[in-house]
Amino acid sequence: MDSPLIERLVSELNYPLVNAENLDTLLSQQGERVLFLTGDPVKNLETNDLAVILPELARTFAGRLNPAVVDRSIEQSLRERFDVWPVPSLIFFKDGEKRGAIAKVRDWADYLAEIEAILDRPTPQAVH
Protein backbone atom coordinates (compact mmCIF):
# COMPACT_ATOMS: atom_id res chain seq x y z
CA MET A 1 0.00 0.00 0.00
CA ASP A 2 1.24 3.43 -0.89
CA SER A 3 -0.40 5.21 2.03
CA PRO A 4 0.07 4.93 5.79
CA LEU A 5 -3.57 6.01 6.21
CA ILE A 6 -4.82 3.10 4.11
CA GLU A 7 -2.38 0.72 5.80
CA ARG A 8 -3.82 1.84 9.17
CA LEU A 9 -7.29 0.69 8.11
CA VAL A 10 -5.98 -2.85 7.66
CA SER A 11 -3.28 -3.09 10.32
CA GLU A 12 -4.80 -1.09 13.20
CA LEU A 13 -8.54 -1.08 12.56
CA ASN A 14 -8.54 -4.66 11.23
CA TYR A 15 -10.54 -3.95 8.08
CA PRO A 16 -10.22 -6.98 5.81
CA LEU A 17 -8.02 -6.56 2.75
CA VAL A 18 -10.08 -7.85 -0.16
CA ASN A 19 -8.13 -9.74 -2.80
CA ALA A 20 -8.82 -12.29 -5.53
CA GLU A 21 -8.66 -15.16 -3.03
CA ASN A 22 -11.21 -13.85 -0.51
CA LEU A 23 -13.51 -11.64 -2.63
CA ASP A 24 -16.23 -14.22 -3.29
CA THR A 25 -16.27 -15.37 0.33
CA LEU A 26 -16.53 -11.83 1.57
CA LEU A 27 -19.33 -10.96 -0.86
CA SER A 28 -21.28 -14.11 0.03
CA GLN A 29 -21.50 -13.13 3.69
CA GLN A 30 -24.82 -11.97 5.10
CA GLY A 31 -25.18 -8.43 6.33
CA GLU A 32 -24.07 -5.02 5.18
CA ARG A 33 -20.57 -4.26 3.95
CA VAL A 34 -18.77 -1.37 2.31
CA LEU A 35 -15.75 -1.86 0.06
CA PHE A 36 -13.23 0.97 -0.22
CA LEU A 37 -11.79 1.31 -3.73
CA THR A 38 -8.80 3.50 -3.04
CA GLY A 39 -7.30 4.29 -6.41
CA ASP A 40 -3.73 5.54 -6.38
CA PRO A 41 -3.18 7.58 -3.19
CA VAL A 42 -0.09 9.20 -4.69
CA LYS A 43 -1.99 10.56 -7.70
CA ASN A 44 -5.35 11.18 -6.01
CA LEU A 45 -5.28 13.21 -2.82
CA GLU A 46 -8.93 12.39 -2.05
CA THR A 47 -7.91 8.79 -1.35
CA ASN A 48 -6.19 9.69 1.91
CA ASP A 49 -9.08 11.96 2.86
CA LEU A 50 -11.52 9.07 2.45
CA ALA A 51 -9.19 6.79 4.41
CA VAL A 52 -9.67 9.19 7.34
CA ILE A 53 -13.42 9.63 6.78
CA LEU A 54 -14.26 5.91 6.47
CA PRO A 55 -13.63 5.01 10.14
CA GLU A 56 -15.81 7.95 11.18
CA LEU A 57 -18.58 6.71 8.89
CA ALA A 58 -18.19 3.22 10.34
CA ARG A 59 -18.60 4.64 13.86
CA THR A 60 -21.63 6.69 12.82
CA PHE A 61 -23.30 3.68 11.22
CA ALA A 62 -22.01 1.29 13.89
CA GLY A 63 -22.51 -2.33 12.92
CA ARG A 64 -24.08 -1.48 9.57
CA LEU A 65 -21.10 -0.85 7.28
CA ASN A 66 -18.46 -3.49 8.02
CA PRO A 67 -15.72 -1.80 5.97
CA ALA A 68 -13.10 -3.58 3.90
CA VAL A 69 -10.26 -2.26 1.75
CA VAL A 70 -9.92 -3.50 -1.83
CA ASP A 71 -6.42 -4.55 -2.83
CA ARG A 72 -5.25 -2.49 -5.80
CA SER A 73 -4.51 -5.71 -7.74
CA ILE A 74 -8.26 -6.42 -8.18
CA GLU A 75 -9.55 -2.87 -8.15
CA GLN A 76 -9.93 -2.52 -11.92
CA SER A 77 -11.88 -5.77 -12.24
CA LEU A 78 -14.22 -4.70 -9.41
CA ARG A 79 -14.75 -1.30 -11.00
CA GLU A 80 -15.79 -3.06 -14.21
CA ARG A 81 -17.87 -5.73 -12.46
CA PHE A 82 -19.86 -3.25 -10.38
CA ASP A 83 -19.75 -0.30 -12.82
CA VAL A 84 -18.01 2.08 -10.42
CA TRP A 85 -15.50 4.34 -12.12
CA PRO A 86 -14.31 7.33 -10.16
CA VAL A 87 -11.99 6.57 -7.28
CA PRO A 88 -11.84 6.74 -4.41
CA SER A 89 -15.23 5.09 -4.08
CA LEU A 90 -17.26 3.23 -1.53
CA ILE A 91 -19.39 0.32 -2.79
CA PHE A 92 -22.19 -0.79 -0.49
CA PHE A 93 -23.47 -4.37 -0.32
CA LYS A 94 -26.19 -6.13 1.58
CA ASP A 95 -26.24 -9.92 1.67
CA GLY A 96 -23.77 -9.96 -1.23
CA GLU A 97 -25.82 -7.69 -3.48
CA LYS A 98 -24.57 -4.26 -4.55
CA ARG A 99 -26.87 -1.62 -3.07
CA GLY A 100 -25.10 1.53 -4.22
CA ALA A 101 -21.87 3.46 -4.45
CA ILE A 102 -20.51 6.84 -3.49
CA ALA A 103 -17.61 8.21 -5.49
CA LYS A 104 -15.12 10.82 -4.42
CA VAL A 105 -15.10 12.81 -1.19
CA ARG A 106 -18.38 14.41 -0.10
CA ASP A 107 -19.55 16.77 2.59
CA TRP A 108 -20.36 15.00 5.86
CA ALA A 109 -24.09 15.72 5.59
CA ASP A 110 -24.13 14.31 2.05
CA TYR A 111 -22.43 11.12 3.25
CA LEU A 112 -24.98 10.69 6.02
CA ALA A 113 -27.96 11.21 3.73
CA GLU A 114 -26.62 9.07 0.86
CA ILE A 115 -25.48 6.19 3.07
CA GLU A 116 -28.76 6.14 4.98
CA ALA A 117 -30.67 6.05 1.69
CA ILE A 118 -28.48 3.21 0.39
CA LEU A 119 -28.74 1.16 3.58
CA ASP A 120 -32.48 1.66 3.93
CA ARG A 121 -33.31 1.03 0.27
CA PRO A 122 -35.69 -1.92 -0.02
CA THR A 123 -34.22 -5.08 -1.50
CA PRO A 124 -35.51 -6.00 -4.98
CA GLN A 125 -37.38 -8.97 -3.47
CA ALA A 126 -39.19 -6.67 -1.01
CA VAL A 127 -40.37 -4.39 -3.81
CA HIS A 128 -42.51 -7.10 -5.50
C-alpha atoms as a PDB file:
ATOM      1  CA  MET A   1       0.000   0.000   0.000  1.00  0.00           C
ATOM      2  CA  ASP A   2       1.239   3.429  -0.885  1.00  0.00           C
ATOM      3  CA  SER A   3      -0.403   5.205   2.027  1.00  0.00           C
ATOM      4  CA  PRO A   4       0.065   4.934   5.790  1.00  0.00           C
ATOM      5  CA  LEU A   5      -3.565   6.015   6.206  1.00  0.00           C
ATOM      6  CA  ILE A   6      -4.818   3.096   4.113  1.00  0.00           C
ATOM      7  CA  GLU A   7      -2.379   0.720   5.804  1.00  0.00           C
ATOM      8  CA  ARG A   8      -3.817   1.836   9.171  1.00  0.00           C
ATOM      9  CA  LEU A   9      -7.288   0.691   8.114  1.00  0.00           C
ATOM     10  CA  VAL A  10      -5.983  -2.849   7.662  1.00  0.00           C
ATOM     11  CA  SER A  11      -3.283  -3.092  10.321  1.00  0.00           C
ATOM     12  CA  GLU A  12      -4.802  -1.094  13.202  1.00  0.00           C
ATOM     13  CA  LEU A  13      -8.539  -1.084  12.564  1.00  0.00           C
ATOM     14  CA  ASN A  14      -8.540  -4.661  11.227  1.00  0.00           C
ATOM     15  CA  TYR A  15     -10.538  -3.951   8.083  1.00  0.00           C
ATOM     16  CA  PRO A  16     -10.219  -6.976   5.811  1.00  0.00           C
ATOM     17  CA  LEU A  17      -8.022  -6.561   2.751  1.00  0.00           C
ATOM     18  CA  VAL A  18     -10.083  -7.849  -0.165  1.00  0.00           C
ATOM     19  CA  ASN A  19      -8.126  -9.736  -2.800  1.00  0.00           C
ATOM     20  CA  ALA A  20      -8.822 -12.289  -5.529  1.00  0.00           C
ATOM     21  CA  GLU A  21      -8.663 -15.159  -3.027  1.00  0.00           C
ATOM     22  CA  ASN A  22     -11.211 -13.850  -0.512  1.00  0.00           C
ATOM     23  CA  LEU A  23     -13.513 -11.640  -2.625  1.00  0.00           C
ATOM     24  CA  ASP A  24     -16.235 -14.221  -3.295  1.00  0.00           C
ATOM     25  CA  THR A  25     -16.265 -15.373   0.328  1.00  0.00           C
ATOM     26  CA  LEU A  26     -16.529 -11.828   1.570  1.00  0.00           C
ATOM     27  CA  LEU A  27     -19.330 -10.955  -0.865  1.00  0.00           C
ATOM     28  CA  SER A  28     -21.277 -14.108   0.026  1.00  0.00           C
ATOM     29  CA  GLN A  29     -21.497 -13.126   3.693  1.00  0.00           C
ATOM     30  CA  GLN A  30     -24.824 -11.973   5.101  1.00  0.00           C
ATOM     31  CA  GLY A  31     -25.183  -8.427   6.329  1.00  0.00           C
ATOM     32  CA  GLU A  32     -24.071  -5.025   5.179  1.00  0.00           C
ATOM     33  CA  ARG A  33     -20.567  -4.257   3.952  1.00  0.00           C
ATOM     34  CA  VAL A  34     -18.771  -1.370   2.306  1.00  0.00           C
ATOM     35  CA  LEU A  35     -15.747  -1.863   0.055  1.00  0.00           C
ATOM     36  CA  PHE A  36     -13.231   0.972  -0.221  1.00  0.00           C
ATOM     37  CA  LEU A  37     -11.786   1.305  -3.729  1.00  0.00           C
ATOM     38  CA  THR A  38      -8.796   3.498  -3.044  1.00  0.00           C
ATOM     39  CA  GLY A  39      -7.298   4.294  -6.406  1.00  0.00           C
ATOM     40  CA  ASP A  40      -3.728   5.543  -6.375  1.00  0.00           C
ATOM     41  CA  PRO A  41      -3.184   7.576  -3.188  1.00  0.00           C
ATOM     42  CA  VAL A  42      -0.091   9.197  -4.694  1.00  0.00           C
ATOM     43  CA  LYS A  43      -1.993  10.556  -7.701  1.00  0.00           C
ATOM     44  CA  ASN A  44      -5.351  11.177  -6.011  1.00  0.00           C
ATOM     45  CA  LEU A  45      -5.283  13.208  -2.819  1.00  0.00           C
ATOM     46  CA  GLU A  46      -8.926  12.388  -2.048  1.00  0.00           C
ATOM     47  CA  THR A  47      -7.910   8.788  -1.352  1.00  0.00           C
ATOM     48  CA  ASN A  48      -6.190   9.691   1.910  1.00  0.00           C
ATOM     49  CA  ASP A  49      -9.083  11.957   2.857  1.00  0.00           C
ATOM     50  CA  LEU A  50     -11.521   9.075   2.448  1.00  0.00           C
ATOM     51  CA  ALA A  51      -9.186   6.790   4.411  1.00  0.00           C
ATOM     52  CA  VAL A  52      -9.666   9.192   7.344  1.00  0.00           C
ATOM     53  CA  ILE A  53     -13.415   9.631   6.782  1.00  0.00           C
ATOM     54  CA  LEU A  54     -14.265   5.909   6.467  1.00  0.00           C
ATOM     55  CA  PRO A  55     -13.633   5.009  10.143  1.00  0.00           C
ATOM     56  CA  GLU A  56     -15.810   7.948  11.176  1.00  0.00           C
ATOM     57  CA  LEU A  57     -18.578   6.714   8.893  1.00  0.00           C
ATOM     58  CA  ALA A  58     -18.191   3.216  10.343  1.00  0.00           C
ATOM     59  CA  ARG A  59     -18.604   4.636  13.855  1.00  0.00           C
ATOM     60  CA  THR A  60     -21.628   6.693  12.824  1.00  0.00           C
ATOM     61  CA  PHE A  61     -23.296   3.676  11.220  1.00  0.00           C
ATOM     62  CA  ALA A  62     -22.009   1.286  13.887  1.00  0.00           C
ATOM     63  CA  GLY A  63     -22.506  -2.332  12.919  1.00  0.00           C
ATOM     64  CA  ARG A  64     -24.083  -1.482   9.571  1.00  0.00           C
ATOM     65  CA  LEU A  65     -21.104  -0.855   7.277  1.00  0.00           C
ATOM     66  CA  ASN A  66     -18.458  -3.493   8.023  1.00  0.00           C
ATOM     67  CA  PRO A  67     -15.718  -1.800   5.973  1.00  0.00           C
ATOM     68  CA  ALA A  68     -13.097  -3.585   3.895  1.00  0.00           C
ATOM     69  CA  VAL A  69     -10.260  -2.262   1.745  1.00  0.00           C
ATOM     70  CA  VAL A  70      -9.920  -3.502  -1.825  1.00  0.00           C
ATOM     71  CA  ASP A  71      -6.420  -4.548  -2.834  1.00  0.00           C
ATOM     72  CA  ARG A  72      -5.250  -2.493  -5.805  1.00  0.00           C
ATOM     73  CA  SER A  73      -4.515  -5.714  -7.742  1.00  0.00           C
ATOM     74  CA  ILE A  74      -8.256  -6.418  -8.178  1.00  0.00           C
ATOM     75  CA  GLU A  75      -9.555  -2.866  -8.148  1.00  0.00           C
ATOM     76  CA  GLN A  76      -9.926  -2.523 -11.923  1.00  0.00           C
ATOM     77  CA  SER A  77     -11.877  -5.769 -12.240  1.00  0.00           C
ATOM     78  CA  LEU A  78     -14.223  -4.698  -9.414  1.00  0.00           C
ATOM     79  CA  ARG A  79     -14.747  -1.304 -11.000  1.00  0.00           C
ATOM     80  CA  GLU A  80     -15.791  -3.059 -14.206  1.00  0.00           C
ATOM     81  CA  ARG A  81     -17.874  -5.730 -12.464  1.00  0.00           C
ATOM     82  CA  PHE A  82     -19.861  -3.248 -10.385  1.00  0.00           C
ATOM     83  CA  ASP A  83     -19.752  -0.302 -12.819  1.00  0.00           C
ATOM     84  CA  VAL A  84     -18.007   2.078 -10.417  1.00  0.00           C
ATOM     85  CA  TRP A  85     -15.501   4.341 -12.122  1.00  0.00           C
ATOM     86  CA  PRO A  86     -14.306   7.333 -10.162  1.00  0.00           C
ATOM     87  CA  VAL A  87     -11.991   6.567  -7.280  1.00  0.00           C
ATOM     88  CA  PRO A  88     -11.841   6.743  -4.407  1.00  0.00           C
ATOM     89  CA  SER A  89     -15.234   5.088  -4.082  1.00  0.00           C
ATOM     90  CA  LEU A  90     -17.262   3.227  -1.529  1.00  0.00           C
ATOM     91  CA  ILE A  91     -19.395   0.323  -2.792  1.00  0.00           C
ATOM     92  CA  PHE A  92     -22.193  -0.788  -0.487  1.00  0.00           C
ATOM     93  CA  PHE A  93     -23.468  -4.373  -0.320  1.00  0.00           C
ATOM     94  CA  LYS A  94     -26.192  -6.127   1.582  1.00  0.00           C
ATOM     95  CA  ASP A  95     -26.238  -9.920   1.673  1.00  0.00           C
ATOM     96  CA  GLY A  96     -23.772  -9.962  -1.227  1.00  0.00           C
ATOM     97  CA  GLU A  97     -25.824  -7.690  -3.479  1.00  0.00           C
ATOM     98  CA  LYS A  98     -24.573  -4.265  -4.545  1.00  0.00           C
ATOM     99  CA  ARG A  99     -26.869  -1.616  -3.074  1.00  0.00           C
ATOM    100  CA  GLY A 100     -25.100   1.535  -4.219  1.00  0.00           C
ATOM    101  CA  ALA A 101     -21.868   3.458  -4.454  1.00  0.00           C
ATOM    102  CA  ILE A 102     -20.513   6.843  -3.490  1.00  0.00           C
ATOM    103  CA  ALA A 103     -17.610   8.213  -5.495  1.00  0.00           C
ATOM    104  CA  LYS A 104     -15.117  10.824  -4.425  1.00  0.00           C
ATOM    105  CA  VAL A 105     -15.098  12.814  -1.186  1.00  0.00           C
ATOM    106  CA  ARG A 106     -18.381  14.408  -0.104  1.00  0.00           C
ATOM    107  CA  ASP A 107     -19.550  16.774   2.591  1.00  0.00           C
ATOM    108  CA  TRP A 108     -20.361  14.995   5.855  1.00  0.00           C
ATOM    109  CA  ALA A 109     -24.094  15.722   5.595  1.00  0.00           C
ATOM    110  CA  ASP A 110     -24.126  14.311   2.053  1.00  0.00           C
ATOM    111  CA  TYR A 111     -22.427  11.117   3.250  1.00  0.00           C
ATOM    112  CA  LEU A 112     -24.978  10.689   6.015  1.00  0.00           C
ATOM    113  CA  ALA A 113     -27.959  11.212   3.728  1.00  0.00           C
ATOM    114  CA  GLU A 114     -26.624   9.071   0.864  1.00  0.00           C
ATOM    115  CA  ILE A 115     -25.483   6.190   3.068  1.00  0.00           C
ATOM    116  CA  GLU A 116     -28.761   6.139   4.981  1.00  0.00           C
ATOM    117  CA  ALA A 117     -30.671   6.047   1.693  1.00  0.00           C
ATOM    118  CA  ILE A 118     -28.483   3.208   0.388  1.00  0.00           C
ATOM    119  CA  LEU A 119     -28.738   1.155   3.576  1.00  0.00           C
ATOM    120  CA  ASP A 120     -32.476   1.661   3.932  1.00  0.00           C
ATOM    121  CA  ARG A 121     -33.306   1.025   0.272  1.00  0.00           C
ATOM    122  CA  PRO A 122     -35.694  -1.923  -0.023  1.00  0.00           C
ATOM    123  CA  THR A 123     -34.219  -5.084  -1.502  1.00  0.00           C
ATOM    124  CA  PRO A 124     -35.507  -5.997  -4.977  1.00  0.00           C
ATOM    125  CA  GLN A 125     -37.384  -8.966  -3.468  1.00  0.00           C
ATOM    126  CA  ALA A 126     -39.188  -6.667  -1.012  1.00  0.00           C
ATOM    127  CA  VAL A 127     -40.373  -4.387  -3.809  1.00  0.00           C
ATOM    128  CA  HIS A 128     -42.509  -7.096  -5.503  1.00  0.00           C
END
